[in-house]
Each structure stands twice: as C-alpha cells, then as structure tokens.
C-alpha atoms as a PDB file:
ATOM      1  CA  MET A   1     -27.331  17.299 -12.593  1.00  0.00           C
ATOM      2  CA  MET A   2     -26.367  21.075 -11.860  1.00  0.00           C
ATOM      3  CA  ALA A   3     -22.763  21.677 -11.477  1.00  0.00           C
ATOM      4  CA  ARG A   4     -20.824  24.833 -10.188  1.00  0.00           C
ATOM      5  CA  ALA A   5     -17.482  26.297 -11.103  1.00  0.00           C
ATOM      6  CA  LEU A   6     -15.031  27.305  -8.355  1.00  0.00           C
ATOM      7  CA  PRO A   7     -14.937  31.168  -8.305  1.00  0.00           C
ATOM      8  CA  ARG A   8     -11.134  31.337  -8.323  1.00  0.00           C
ATOM      9  CA  ARG A   9     -10.583  28.223 -10.698  1.00  0.00           C
ATOM     10  CA  PRO A  10     -13.541  28.285 -13.004  1.00  0.00           C
ATOM     11  CA  GLN A  11     -12.167  25.482 -15.101  1.00  0.00           C
ATOM     12  CA  VAL A  12     -12.859  23.103 -12.023  1.00  0.00           C
ATOM     13  CA  ARG A  13     -16.677  22.312 -11.931  1.00  0.00           C
ATOM     14  CA  LEU A  14     -18.172  20.400  -9.261  1.00  0.00           C
ATOM     15  CA  SER A  15     -21.537  18.480  -9.582  1.00  0.00           C
ATOM     16  CA  GLU A  16     -23.703  19.625  -6.700  1.00  0.00           C
ATOM     17  CA  LEU A  17     -23.698  16.189  -5.286  1.00  0.00           C
ATOM     18  CA  GLY A  18     -20.312  14.566  -4.786  1.00  0.00           C
ATOM     19  CA  PHE A  19     -19.318  11.002  -4.206  1.00  0.00           C
ATOM     20  CA  GLY A  20     -17.442  10.370  -0.967  1.00  0.00           C
ATOM     21  CA  ALA A  21     -15.223   7.350  -1.432  1.00  0.00           C
ATOM     22  CA  ALA A  22     -14.115   6.479   2.113  1.00  0.00           C
ATOM     23  CA  GLN A  23     -16.277   3.550   2.053  1.00  0.00           C
ATOM     24  CA  GLY A  24     -14.499   2.405  -0.897  1.00  0.00           C
ATOM     25  CA  GLY A  25     -11.493   1.947   1.592  1.00  0.00           C
ATOM     26  CA  ASN A  26     -13.507  -0.416   3.686  1.00  0.00           C
ATOM     27  CA  LEU A  27     -14.532   2.237   6.303  1.00  0.00           C
ATOM     28  CA  TYR A  28     -15.867   0.253   9.154  1.00  0.00           C
ATOM     29  CA  ARG A  29     -16.483  -2.784   7.205  1.00  0.00           C
ATOM     30  CA  THR A  30     -15.645  -4.586   3.936  1.00  0.00           C
ATOM     31  CA  THR A  31     -16.944  -3.226   0.676  1.00  0.00           C
ATOM     32  CA  THR A  32     -16.440  -5.405  -2.212  1.00  0.00           C
ATOM     33  CA  ASP A  33     -14.586  -4.429  -5.490  1.00  0.00           C
ATOM     34  CA  GLU A  34     -17.875  -5.192  -7.313  1.00  0.00           C
ATOM     35  CA  GLU A  35     -20.075  -3.061  -4.689  1.00  0.00           C
ATOM     36  CA  PHE A  36     -17.733  -0.078  -5.214  1.00  0.00           C
ATOM     37  CA  ALA A  37     -17.735  -0.386  -9.115  1.00  0.00           C
ATOM     38  CA  ALA A  38     -21.350  -0.627  -9.097  1.00  0.00           C
ATOM     39  CA  ALA A  39     -21.768   2.459  -6.766  1.00  0.00           C
ATOM     40  CA  VAL A  40     -19.679   4.552  -9.050  1.00  0.00           C
ATOM     41  CA  ASP A  41     -21.428   3.340 -12.162  1.00  0.00           C
ATOM     42  CA  ALA A  42     -24.733   4.341 -10.448  1.00  0.00           C
ATOM     43  CA  ALA A  43     -23.346   7.756  -9.400  1.00  0.00           C
ATOM     44  CA  TRP A  44     -22.129   8.344 -12.958  1.00  0.00           C
ATOM     45  CA  GLU A  45     -25.466   7.374 -14.406  1.00  0.00           C
ATOM     46  CA  ALA A  46     -27.295   9.985 -12.172  1.00  0.00           C
ATOM     47  CA  GLY A  47     -24.983  12.725 -13.400  1.00  0.00           C
ATOM     48  CA  VAL A  48     -22.457  12.859 -10.531  1.00  0.00           C
ATOM     49  CA  ARG A  49     -19.191  13.987 -11.712  1.00  0.00           C
ATOM     50  CA  TYR A  50     -17.269  14.939  -8.460  1.00  0.00           C
ATOM     51  CA  PHE A  51     -15.373  12.119  -6.577  1.00  0.00           C
ATOM     52  CA  ASP A  52     -13.509  12.450  -3.444  1.00  0.00           C
ATOM     53  CA  THR A  53     -10.810  10.083  -2.076  1.00  0.00           C
ATOM     54  CA  ALA A  54      -7.582  10.128   0.086  1.00  0.00           C
ATOM     55  CA  PRO A  55      -4.690   7.955   1.038  1.00  0.00           C
ATOM     56  CA  HIS A  56      -6.019   7.732   4.513  1.00  0.00           C
ATOM     57  CA  TYR A  57      -8.986   5.721   3.349  1.00  0.00           C
ATOM     58  CA  GLY A  58      -8.148   2.181   3.725  1.00  0.00           C
ATOM     59  CA  LEU A  59      -4.370   2.826   3.294  1.00  0.00           C
ATOM     60  CA  GLY A  60      -4.833   3.670  -0.445  1.00  0.00           C
ATOM     61  CA  LEU A  61      -7.512   1.115  -1.054  1.00  0.00           C
ATOM     62  CA  SER A  62      -9.913   3.813  -2.030  1.00  0.00           C
ATOM     63  CA  GLU A  63      -7.622   5.672  -4.394  1.00  0.00           C
ATOM     64  CA  ARG A  64      -6.833   2.279  -6.127  1.00  0.00           C
ATOM     65  CA  ARG A  65     -10.694   1.500  -6.544  1.00  0.00           C
ATOM     66  CA  LEU A  66     -11.562   4.896  -7.455  1.00  0.00           C
ATOM     67  CA  GLY A  67      -8.942   5.055 -10.165  1.00  0.00           C
ATOM     68  CA  ALA A  68      -9.963   1.816 -11.646  1.00  0.00           C
ATOM     69  CA  ALA A  69     -13.739   2.710 -11.682  1.00  0.00           C
ATOM     70  CA  LEU A  70     -13.046   6.001 -13.557  1.00  0.00           C
ATOM     71  CA  ARG A  71     -10.266   4.819 -15.859  1.00  0.00           C
ATOM     72  CA  HIS A  72     -12.662   4.309 -18.934  1.00  0.00           C
ATOM     73  CA  ARG A  73     -14.499   7.422 -18.725  1.00  0.00           C
ATOM     74  CA  PRO A  74     -13.605  10.593 -20.466  1.00  0.00           C
ATOM     75  CA  ARG A  75     -11.017  12.480 -18.227  1.00  0.00           C
ATOM     76  CA  ASP A  76     -12.346  15.890 -18.868  1.00  0.00           C
ATOM     77  CA  GLU A  77     -15.556  15.023 -17.654  1.00  0.00           C
ATOM     78  CA  TYR A  78     -15.045  14.510 -14.175  1.00  0.00           C
ATOM     79  CA  VAL A  79     -13.355  15.939 -11.076  1.00  0.00           C
ATOM     80  CA  VAL A  80     -11.303  14.048  -8.611  1.00  0.00           C
ATOM     81  CA  SER A  81     -10.045  15.214  -5.284  1.00  0.00           C
ATOM     82  CA  THR A  82      -7.450  13.612  -3.084  1.00  0.00           C
ATOM     83  CA  LYS A  83      -5.608  14.913   0.096  1.00  0.00           C
ATOM     84  CA  VAL A  84      -1.997  15.156   1.494  1.00  0.00           C
ATOM     85  CA  GLY A  85      -0.790  15.119   4.938  1.00  0.00           C
ATOM     86  CA  ARG A  86      -0.595  11.436   5.868  1.00  0.00           C
ATOM     87  CA  LEU A  87       2.207   9.548   4.004  1.00  0.00           C
ATOM     88  CA  LEU A  88       1.684   5.801   3.717  1.00  0.00           C
ATOM     89  CA  VAL A  89       4.915   3.925   4.856  1.00  0.00           C
ATOM     90  CA  PRO A  90       5.225   0.136   4.374  1.00  0.00           C
ATOM     91  CA  SER A  91       5.093  -1.818   7.677  1.00  0.00           C
ATOM     92  CA  PRO A  92       5.489  -5.341   6.664  1.00  0.00           C
ATOM     93  CA  GLU A  93       5.877  -6.319  10.434  1.00  0.00           C
ATOM     94  CA  ASP A  94       2.283  -5.344  10.853  1.00  0.00           C
ATOM     95  CA  ALA A  95       0.882  -7.012   7.826  1.00  0.00           C
ATOM     96  CA  HIS A  96      -0.729  -9.853   9.657  1.00  0.00           C
ATOM     97  CA  LEU A  97      -2.811  -7.311  11.743  1.00  0.00           C
ATOM     98  CA  ARG A  98      -5.804  -5.221  10.580  1.00  0.00           C
ATOM     99  CA  ASP A  99      -5.724  -1.427  10.389  1.00  0.00           C
ATOM    100  CA  SER A 100      -6.514   0.300  13.807  1.00  0.00           C
ATOM    101  CA  ASP A 101      -7.802   3.452  12.278  1.00  0.00           C
ATOM    102  CA  GLY A 102     -11.324   2.501  11.397  1.00  0.00           C
ATOM    103  CA  PHE A 103     -10.623   0.714   7.857  1.00  0.00           C
ATOM    104  CA  ASP A 104     -11.223  -3.103   7.485  1.00  0.00           C
ATOM    105  CA  VAL A 105      -7.679  -3.685   5.776  1.00  0.00           C
ATOM    106  CA  PRO A 106      -4.657  -5.247   6.420  1.00  0.00           C
ATOM    107  CA  ALA A 107      -1.973  -3.156   8.189  1.00  0.00           C
ATOM    108  CA  THR A 108       0.566  -3.216   5.457  1.00  0.00           C
ATOM    109  CA  HIS A 109       1.309   0.399   5.796  1.00  0.00           C
ATOM    110  CA  ARG A 110       1.372   2.970   8.547  1.00  0.00           C
ATOM    111  CA  ARG A 111       0.306   6.555   8.424  1.00  0.00           C
ATOM    112  CA  VAL A 112       3.054   9.309   9.026  1.00  0.00           C
ATOM    113  CA  TRP A 113       1.942  12.850   9.325  1.00  0.00           C
ATOM    114  CA  ASP A 114       4.025  15.154   6.976  1.00  0.00           C
ATOM    115  CA  PHE A 115       3.147  18.535   5.535  1.00  0.00           C
ATOM    116  CA  SER A 116       6.584  19.337   4.522  1.00  0.00           C
ATOM    117  CA  ARG A 117       7.266  20.254   0.897  1.00  0.00           C
ATOM    118  CA  ASP A 118       8.716  16.919   0.236  1.00  0.00           C
ATOM    119  CA  GLY A 119       6.020  15.136   1.900  1.00  0.00           C
ATOM    120  CA  VAL A 120       3.355  16.723  -0.252  1.00  0.00           C
ATOM    121  CA  TYR A 121       5.189  15.898  -3.438  1.00  0.00           C
ATOM    122  CA  ARG A 122       5.759  12.425  -2.314  1.00  0.00           C
ATOM    123  CA  SER A 123       2.118  12.060  -1.296  1.00  0.00           C
ATOM    124  CA  ILE A 124       0.768  13.076  -4.677  1.00  0.00           C
ATOM    125  CA  GLU A 125       3.280  11.054  -6.601  1.00  0.00           C
ATOM    126  CA  ALA A 126       1.994   7.968  -4.913  1.00  0.00           C
ATOM    127  CA  SER A 127      -1.684   9.006  -5.209  1.00  0.00           C
ATOM    128  CA  LEU A 128      -1.083   9.393  -8.987  1.00  0.00           C
ATOM    129  CA  GLU A 129       0.385   5.973  -9.000  1.00  0.00           C
ATOM    130  CA  ARG A 130      -2.470   4.413  -7.046  1.00  0.00           C
ATOM    131  CA  THR A 131      -5.363   5.966  -9.080  1.00  0.00           C
ATOM    132  CA  GLY A 132      -3.380   5.891 -12.399  1.00  0.00           C
ATOM    133  CA  LEU A 133      -4.582   9.476 -13.133  1.00  0.00           C
ATOM    134  CA  ASP A 134      -2.386  11.961 -14.773  1.00  0.00           C
ATOM    135  CA  ARG A 135      -3.581  14.889 -12.608  1.00  0.00           C
ATOM    136  CA  PHE A 136      -5.845  15.791  -9.662  1.00  0.00           C
ATOM    137  CA  ASP A 137      -8.445  18.528  -9.979  1.00  0.00           C
ATOM    138  CA  ILE A 138      -8.280  19.312  -6.226  1.00  0.00           C
ATOM    139  CA  VAL A 139      -5.888  18.629  -3.566  1.00  0.00           C
ATOM    140  CA  TYR A 140      -6.748  19.233   0.159  1.00  0.00           C
ATOM    141  CA  LEU A 141      -4.646  19.523   3.141  1.00  0.00           C
ATOM    142  CA  HIS A 142      -6.044  16.561   5.362  1.00  0.00           C
ATOM    143  CA  ASP A 143      -6.881  17.296   9.061  1.00  0.00           C
ATOM    144  CA  PRO A 144      -3.819  19.716   9.582  1.00  0.00           C
ATOM    145  CA  ASP A 145      -5.276  20.631  12.955  1.00  0.00           C
ATOM    146  CA  ASP A 146      -2.108  20.239  14.930  1.00  0.00           C
ATOM    147  CA  HIS A 147       0.214  21.198  12.064  1.00  0.00           C
ATOM    148  CA  TRP A 148      -0.659  24.842  11.142  1.00  0.00           C
ATOM    149  CA  GLU A 149       2.968  26.050  10.832  1.00  0.00           C
ATOM    150  CA  GLN A 150       4.090  23.426   8.483  1.00  0.00           C
ATOM    151  CA  ALA A 151       0.832  23.167   6.554  1.00  0.00           C
ATOM    152  CA  ALA A 152       0.590  26.969   5.981  1.00  0.00           C
ATOM    153  CA  HIS A 153       4.119  27.724   5.110  1.00  0.00           C
ATOM    154  CA  GLU A 154       5.360  24.499   3.463  1.00  0.00           C
ATOM    155  CA  ALA A 155       2.505  22.431   2.245  1.00  0.00           C
ATOM    156  CA  VAL A 156       0.453  25.502   0.748  1.00  0.00           C
ATOM    157  CA  PRO A 157       3.434  26.852  -1.114  1.00  0.00           C
ATOM    158  CA  ALA A 158       4.149  23.504  -2.511  1.00  0.00           C
ATOM    159  CA  LEU A 159       0.515  22.974  -3.683  1.00  0.00           C
ATOM    160  CA  ILE A 160       0.684  26.446  -5.412  1.00  0.00           C
ATOM    161  CA  ASP A 161       3.772  25.402  -7.267  1.00  0.00           C
ATOM    162  CA  LEU A 162       1.995  22.289  -8.335  1.00  0.00           C
ATOM    163  CA  ARG A 163      -1.169  24.284  -9.302  1.00  0.00           C
ATOM    164  CA  ASP A 164       1.153  26.549 -11.366  1.00  0.00           C
ATOM    165  CA  GLN A 165       2.579  23.596 -13.181  1.00  0.00           C
ATOM    166  CA  GLY A 166      -0.953  21.979 -13.916  1.00  0.00           C
ATOM    167  CA  VAL A 167      -0.557  18.956 -11.861  1.00  0.00           C
ATOM    168  CA  VAL A 168      -3.276  20.189  -9.645  1.00  0.00           C
ATOM    169  CA  GLY A 169      -6.292  22.335 -10.612  1.00  0.00           C
ATOM    170  CA  ALA A 170      -7.305  23.816  -7.297  1.00  0.00           C
ATOM    171  CA  ILE A 171      -6.032  23.467  -3.734  1.00  0.00           C
ATOM    172  CA  GLY A 172      -7.516  23.828  -0.159  1.00  0.00           C
ATOM    173  CA  ALA A 173      -7.895  22.095   3.089  1.00  0.00           C
ATOM    174  CA  GLY A 174     -10.092  19.481   4.479  1.00  0.00           C
ATOM    175  CA  MET A 175     -11.148  19.540   8.252  1.00  0.00           C
ATOM    176  CA  ASN A 176     -13.750  18.715  10.731  1.00  0.00           C
ATOM    177  CA  GLN A 177     -13.561  22.104  12.239  1.00  0.00           C
ATOM    178  CA  SER A 178     -14.145  25.418  10.682  1.00  0.00           C
ATOM    179  CA  ALA A 179     -12.005  27.922  12.495  1.00  0.00           C
ATOM    180  CA  MET A 180      -8.687  26.836  10.882  1.00  0.00           C
ATOM    181  CA  LEU A 181     -10.466  26.642   7.564  1.00  0.00           C
ATOM    182  CA  ALA A 182     -11.331  30.035   7.955  1.00  0.00           C
ATOM    183  CA  ARG A 183      -7.818  31.074   8.745  1.00  0.00           C
ATOM    184  CA  PHE A 184      -6.576  29.231   5.579  1.00  0.00           C
ATOM    185  CA  VAL A 185      -9.015  31.243   3.618  1.00  0.00           C
ATOM    186  CA  ARG A 186      -8.010  34.560   5.158  1.00  0.00           C
ATOM    187  CA  GLU A 187      -4.143  33.985   5.210  1.00  0.00           C
ATOM    188  CA  THR A 188      -3.238  31.671   2.267  1.00  0.00           C
ATOM    189  CA  ASP A 189      -3.971  31.466  -1.450  1.00  0.00           C
ATOM    190  CA  VAL A 190      -6.486  28.658  -1.519  1.00  0.00           C
ATOM    191  CA  ASP A 191      -9.397  27.941  -3.785  1.00  0.00           C
ATOM    192  CA  VAL A 192     -11.704  25.271  -2.159  1.00  0.00           C
ATOM    193  CA  MET A 193     -12.323  23.966   1.379  1.00  0.00           C
ATOM    194  CA  MET A 194     -13.958  20.921   2.588  1.00  0.00           C
ATOM    195  CA  CYS A 195     -15.706  21.269   5.901  1.00  0.00           C
ATOM    196  CA  ALA A 196     -16.943  18.076   7.463  1.00  0.00           C
ATOM    197  CA  GLY A 197     -19.810  18.228  10.116  1.00  0.00           C
ATOM    198  CA  ARG A 198     -19.628  21.863  11.088  1.00  0.00           C
ATOM    199  CA  TYR A 199     -22.223  23.200   8.800  1.00  0.00           C
ATOM    200  CA  THR A 200     -25.268  20.934   9.023  1.00  0.00           C
ATOM    201  CA  LEU A 201     -29.074  21.118   9.863  1.00  0.00           C
ATOM    202  CA  LEU A 202     -28.059  20.239  13.262  1.00  0.00           C
ATOM    203  CA  GLU A 203     -25.180  22.797  13.868  1.00  0.00           C
ATOM    204  CA  GLN A 204     -23.982  25.731  11.952  1.00  0.00           C
ATOM    205  CA  GLY A 205     -20.572  26.951  13.570  1.00  0.00           C
ATOM    206  CA  ALA A 206     -18.985  27.507   9.992  1.00  0.00           C
ATOM    207  CA  ALA A 207     -21.619  30.014   9.346  1.00  0.00           C
ATOM    208  CA  ASP A 208     -19.834  32.250  11.885  1.00  0.00           C
ATOM    209  CA  ASP A 209     -16.312  32.096  10.444  1.00  0.00           C
ATOM    210  CA  LEU A 210     -15.753  29.795   7.352  1.00  0.00           C
ATOM    211  CA  LEU A 211     -18.708  30.570   5.338  1.00  0.00           C
ATOM    212  CA  PRO A 212     -18.369  34.441   5.345  1.00  0.00           C
ATOM    213  CA  ALA A 213     -14.805  34.374   4.919  1.00  0.00           C
ATOM    214  CA  ALA A 214     -15.094  32.075   1.882  1.00  0.00           C
ATOM    215  CA  GLU A 215     -17.662  34.232   0.435  1.00  0.00           C
ATOM    216  CA  ASN A 216     -15.668  37.424   0.726  1.00  0.00           C
ATOM    217  CA  ARG A 217     -12.647  35.827  -0.885  1.00  0.00           C
ATOM    218  CA  GLY A 218     -14.248  33.787  -3.620  1.00  0.00           C
ATOM    219  CA  VAL A 219     -13.506  30.508  -2.146  1.00  0.00           C
ATOM    220  CA  GLY A 220     -15.641  27.467  -2.599  1.00  0.00           C
ATOM    221  CA  VAL A 221     -16.795  25.313   0.096  1.00  0.00           C
ATOM    222  CA  VAL A 222     -17.549  21.621  -0.180  1.00  0.00           C
ATOM    223  CA  ILE A 223     -19.787  20.307   2.752  1.00  0.00           C
ATOM    224  CA  ALA A 224     -18.955  16.912   3.848  1.00  0.00           C
ATOM    225  CA  GLY A 225     -20.389  14.946   6.970  1.00  0.00           C
ATOM    226  CA  VAL A 226     -23.795  16.480   6.016  1.00  0.00           C
ATOM    227  CA  TYR A 227     -25.634  13.704   8.305  1.00  0.00           C
ATOM    228  CA  ASN A 228     -23.201  14.383  11.152  1.00  0.00           C
ATOM    229  CA  SER A 229     -21.792  10.874  11.108  1.00  0.00           C
ATOM    230  CA  GLY A 230     -25.405   9.395  10.817  1.00  0.00           C
ATOM    231  CA  LEU A 231     -27.353  11.310  13.382  1.00  0.00           C
ATOM    232  CA  LEU A 232     -29.320  13.029  10.482  1.00  0.00           C
ATOM    233  CA  SER A 233     -29.260  10.135   8.041  1.00  0.00           C
ATOM    234  CA  ARG A 234     -32.529   8.440   8.995  1.00  0.00           C
ATOM    235  CA  ASP A 235     -36.166   9.830   9.192  1.00  0.00           C
ATOM    236  CA  ARG A 236     -36.201   9.558  12.930  1.00  0.00           C
ATOM    237  CA  PRO A 237     -32.852   9.138  14.659  1.00  0.00           C
ATOM    238  CA  PRO A 238     -32.649   5.931  16.848  1.00  0.00           C
ATOM    239  CA  ALA A 239     -31.411   5.768  20.134  1.00  0.00           C
ATOM    240  CA  ASP A 240     -27.863   4.399  19.251  1.00  0.00           C
ATOM    241  CA  ALA A 241     -27.305   7.061  16.545  1.00  0.00           C
ATOM    242  CA  VAL A 242     -23.797   8.006  15.856  1.00  0.00           C
ATOM    243  CA  TYR A 243     -22.337  11.794  16.029  1.00  0.00           C
ATOM    244  CA  ASN A 244     -18.885  12.629  15.217  1.00  0.00           C
ATOM    245  CA  TYR A 245     -18.019   8.945  14.865  1.00  0.00           C
ATOM    246  CA  GLU A 246     -19.258   8.114  18.483  1.00  0.00           C
ATOM    247  CA  GLN A 247     -22.534   7.463  20.313  1.00  0.00           C
ATOM    248  CA  ALA A 248     -24.470  10.462  20.098  1.00  0.00           C
ATOM    249  CA  PRO A 249     -25.306  12.423  23.281  1.00  0.00           C
ATOM    250  CA  ALA A 250     -28.913  12.049  24.321  1.00  0.00           C
ATOM    251  CA  GLN A 251     -29.586  15.868  24.040  1.00  0.00           C
ATOM    252  CA  LEU A 252     -28.414  15.866  20.364  1.00  0.00           C
ATOM    253  CA  ILE A 253     -30.738  12.996  19.501  1.00  0.00           C
ATOM    254  CA  GLU A 254     -33.628  14.758  21.047  1.00  0.00           C
ATOM    255  CA  ARG A 255     -32.731  17.954  19.055  1.00  0.00           C
ATOM    256  CA  ALA A 256     -32.657  15.890  15.841  1.00  0.00           C
ATOM    257  CA  ARG A 257     -35.869  14.292  16.621  1.00  0.00           C
ATOM    258  CA  ARG A 258     -37.433  17.738  17.135  1.00  0.00           C
ATOM    259  CA  ILE A 259     -36.138  18.805  13.932  1.00  0.00           C
ATOM    260  CA  ALA A 260     -37.409  15.693  12.192  1.00  0.00           C
ATOM    261  CA  ALA A 261     -40.879  16.318  13.561  1.00  0.00           C
ATOM    262  CA  VAL A 262     -40.966  19.772  12.209  1.00  0.00           C
ATOM    263  CA  CYS A 263     -39.787  18.494   8.821  1.00  0.00           C
ATOM    264  CA  GLU A 264     -42.587  15.902   8.679  1.00  0.00           C
ATOM    265  CA  THR A 265     -45.204  18.686   9.175  1.00  0.00           C
ATOM    266  CA  TYR A 266     -43.864  20.196   5.874  1.00  0.00           C
ATOM    267  CA  GLY A 267     -43.648  16.747   3.971  1.00  0.00           C
ATOM    268  CA  VAL A 268     -40.103  16.012   3.997  1.00  0.00           C
ATOM    269  CA  THR A 269     -37.737  13.762   5.990  1.00  0.00           C
ATOM    270  CA  LEU A 270     -34.846  14.668   8.094  1.00  0.00           C
ATOM    271  CA  PRO A 271     -32.221  13.495   5.493  1.00  0.00           C
ATOM    272  CA  GLN A 272     -34.081  15.361   2.682  1.00  0.00           C
ATOM    273  CA  ALA A 273     -33.976  18.492   4.590  1.00  0.00           C
ATOM    274  CA  ALA A 274     -30.323  17.880   5.768  1.00  0.00           C
ATOM    275  CA  LEU A 275     -29.203  17.760   2.114  1.00  0.00           C
ATOM    276  CA  ALA A 276     -31.337  20.976   1.154  1.00  0.00           C
ATOM    277  CA  PHE A 277     -30.096  22.932   3.925  1.00  0.00           C
ATOM    278  CA  VAL A 278     -26.392  22.983   3.258  1.00  0.00           C
ATOM    279  CA  ARG A 279     -27.104  23.809  -0.473  1.00  0.00           C
ATOM    280  CA  ARG A 280     -28.706  27.138   0.147  1.00  0.00           C
ATOM    281  CA  HIS A 281     -25.562  28.910   1.203  1.00  0.00           C
ATOM    282  CA  PRO A 282     -24.132  30.794  -1.570  1.00  0.00           C
ATOM    283  CA  ALA A 283     -20.522  29.765  -0.743  1.00  0.00           C
ATOM    284  CA  VAL A 284     -21.406  26.081  -0.936  1.00  0.00           C
ATOM    285  CA  VAL A 285     -20.377  24.623  -4.348  1.00  0.00           C
ATOM    286  CA  SER A 286     -21.027  20.842  -3.606  1.00  0.00           C
ATOM    287  CA  THR A 287     -22.106  18.208  -1.049  1.00  0.00           C
ATOM    288  CA  VAL A 288     -20.118  15.211  -0.663  1.00  0.00           C
ATOM    289  CA  VAL A 289     -21.930  12.080   0.802  1.00  0.00           C
ATOM    290  CA  GLY A 290     -20.081   8.763   1.618  1.00  0.00           C
ATOM    291  CA  VAL A 291     -21.679   5.922  -0.115  1.00  0.00           C
ATOM    292  CA  ARG A 292     -20.916   2.169  -0.296  1.00  0.00           C
ATOM    293  CA  THR A 293     -23.413   0.668  -2.686  1.00  0.00           C
ATOM    294  CA  GLU A 294     -25.490   1.243  -5.726  1.00  0.00           C
ATOM    295  CA  ALA A 295     -28.676   1.330  -3.456  1.00  0.00           C
ATOM    296  CA  GLN A 296     -27.077   3.985  -1.222  1.00  0.00           C
ATOM    297  CA  VAL A 297     -26.378   6.069  -4.346  1.00  0.00           C
ATOM    298  CA  ASP A 298     -29.748   5.838  -5.712  1.00  0.00           C
ATOM    299  CA  GLU A 299     -31.253   6.873  -2.169  1.00  0.00           C
ATOM    300  CA  THR A 300     -28.854   9.803  -1.821  1.00  0.00           C
ATOM    301  CA  VAL A 301     -29.761  11.116  -5.410  1.00  0.00           C
ATOM    302  CA  ARG A 302     -33.461  10.692  -4.747  1.00  0.00           C
ATOM    303  CA  ARG A 303     -33.186  12.587  -1.329  1.00  0.00           C
ATOM    304  CA  SER A 304     -31.125  15.360  -3.027  1.00  0.00           C
ATOM    305  CA  GLY A 305     -33.873  15.836  -5.690  1.00  0.00           C
ATOM    306  CA  ILE A 306     -36.651  16.462  -3.236  1.00  0.00           C
ATOM    307  CA  VAL A 307     -38.022  20.010  -3.254  1.00  0.00           C
ATOM    308  CA  VAL A 308     -38.044  21.464   0.213  1.00  0.00           C
ATOM    309  CA  PRO A 309     -40.730  24.071   1.145  1.00  0.00           C
ATOM    310  CA  GLU A 310     -39.170  27.415   1.950  1.00  0.00           C
ATOM    311  CA  GLU A 311     -41.465  27.866   4.875  1.00  0.00           C
ATOM    312  CA  LEU A 312     -39.602  24.953   6.661  1.00  0.00           C
ATOM    313  CA  TRP A 313     -36.597  27.066   7.494  1.00  0.00           C
ATOM    314  CA  ASP A 314     -38.589  29.831   9.054  1.00  0.00           C
ATOM    315  CA  ALA A 315     -40.497  27.238  11.078  1.00  0.00           C
ATOM    316  CA  LEU A 316     -37.194  25.734  12.254  1.00  0.00           C
ATOM    317  CA  ALA A 317     -35.821  29.123  13.238  1.00  0.00           C
ATOM    318  CA  ALA A 318     -39.169  29.812  15.061  1.00  0.00           C
ATOM    319  CA  ALA A 319     -38.868  26.699  17.006  1.00  0.00           C
ATOM    320  CA  GLY A 320     -35.324  27.587  18.118  1.00  0.00           C
ATOM    321  CA  LEU A 321     -34.040  24.718  16.072  1.00  0.00           C
ATOM    322  CA  LEU A 322     -32.099  26.854  13.350  1.00  0.00           C
ATOM    323  CA  ALA A 323     -29.915  29.808  14.181  1.00  0.00           C
ATOM    324  CA  ALA A 324     -31.459  31.663  11.003  1.00  0.00           C
ATOM    325  CA  PRO A 325     -32.873  30.701   7.808  1.00  0.00           C
ATOM    326  CA  PRO A 326     -30.270  30.298   5.177  1.00  0.00           C
ATOM    327  CA  SER A 327     -29.762  33.174   2.999  1.00  0.00           C
ATOM    328  CA  GLN A 328     -29.832  31.959  -0.460  1.00  0.00           C
ATOM    329  CA  HIS A 329     -30.444  28.566  -2.363  1.00  0.00           C
ATOM    330  CA  SER A 330     -27.055  27.928  -4.274  1.00  0.00           C
ATOM    331  CA  SER A 331     -28.994  25.705  -6.776  1.00  0.00           C
ATOM    332  CA  THR A 332     -30.587  28.945  -8.079  1.00  0.00           C
ATOM    333  CA  LEU A 333     -27.188  30.322  -9.078  1.00  0.00           C
ATOM    334  CA  PRO A 334     -25.755  29.842 -12.531  1.00  0.00           C
ATOM    335  CA  GLY A 335     -23.344  26.900 -12.880  1.00  0.00           C
END
C-alpha cells in the first residue's frame, strides 16, 4: 500500500488508508478483544501502517487495545496518532453506570476538557502508559472548538516542545469543522490536520479554507468521516441513514442517492467513489476509516483499491452534485 510522508516532517509516513480505532473503544456497541485484534491483524496484512486512537474512545479502551495489538510489531514500521484535550479523571461513584458519550463501557472515568500545558503533558503520559508505546508519531488537539485561546497558546507550544524532545513526531488538530483547522494552519506551527466529515463526496467545505491553506503551508491533511457518519457507506443510502451521528435529513439522503445513481453508470459504488474522491486532493496524505472487524477491514481495503473512471467527477459536476472536479489524484504523487 502506498505511503506518503508529511511534507514538514518527512520521517512520518502514513499509509494512504488509515485504521480508525474508535470502534475498539466500543463505539455504539461492544467490540470484543478478539474482534479488534483480528481487525488489526487484517489491516496489517493488507499493508495498513497508520493507526489512529484517542483517550476519548471508550475512556481509554481503544488505546489499550491498540497498544496490545501492535506491541509485537516492529515499532519503526507503523505510525500511531492519539489526541489530547480530554483528560480522563477517575469517577468510582459512577462505575456502576455506562458511559453517556456514545461508548459501551463502564463510566469508570469522566472526561475533563483541558488544553493547558500541564493537561497536554498529563494526557500524553497517560496515553503512553495505556498503549505501552515509547512515543507517538502524531498528536492531535481533539475537538478544541470552544477552546481556541488555550489550545493555540498553551497546548500547541507544549506539543512543539514535545516534538523538539522527540516524544512526538508531528502535531496538529482533529475536528469536525474546517474553519478552525485552517486557522491553526495559518497561525501556528503544525504539521498535519485531521478533518472529519467536511471534505467528502457529499460536501466539500474544507476545499474553501483548510485544504488551500494546508497546501500553501506544506501541512498534510488526514481525512476522517469519509462516509459522513454512514450516509455514504452503502451502495444506496437507506431511509434511516445517519449523517453527523444523527438521522440524516431527507434532502441529504436524496442527494446521496443521486450521487450513487451517477456512480453506478460508471460502474462504481457510492462508497468506492467516496474513498477515491478524497484521495485526489494533493493536500490529503491519508484517509482514516473506522473499522470494527476483520470483514470490515477487508471490505474497506477492497473498496479503496477500485479504480474510478476520471469521467465520473466531471459527470457529477455537470449534474450539480459536485462543486468542481478534484484537481489532482494524490496517489499519483511520490510517497
């Protein structure tokens, strides 16, 4: 599988397809240890070498499982990213309850927003302990939407210090919006950004701010949420499809179905086109897809390997379903 180096940190090379480990934290429902380990094994066999996790995912469960699954593999052959911004604080008084933030785990801890310098150091120390790793290749600020001042002026300098010390290979932010990610690119010394759901076959808001800013500054962009929370994950979106973690509006389902119909005329499916579309932008260095099982990994790898006819993008644009054809296919660039 092709890999791309971060322009500003060429020692960090990401496989073009990344493993999203939120499901390893029991996102929405339980994933067994065996299922998660088998999914990592399948991804490794397919050539995936970029793995993304966070303390938020299952109150640390995802980090523990990912660290265990990678522990026997050569450390220099894979890239791991985690995130800071939510400290996990023990809450034994709630341990008999279930987590209320979307993960099927006991509420043994509570999340506390903290983008302070001390908070960054404490978060990374705890993540290193949970994963058993000696370093992280990438650390993102996680959802700093309401914390710009502290994130930009305390967390980023703390991450820069850790990068200088070699504890962290590259730094950035991961969010469900593109405007603040673009601001980080323009105003701070970051290397890579994770953009979830704002640059997909369905919507391309990041093409107006984040992607051109990243391209100008040599900052890599990792695309997450490529299926817009599920709306683009099936060949034909069902009536109960999800968008942004909620029931999708009827007009978006209809738009996705129209896109799917055009894709079919060119012999590809909606999810195949969704994966191919985001890879075309030259600022995009990898696409992270959340997977739970070996079968999901296999299907994602198969979809990712489909060659999509170039004429599809012009056809979608002509139908008013795509703002403009993507400018360049990233997989044609050298790794």
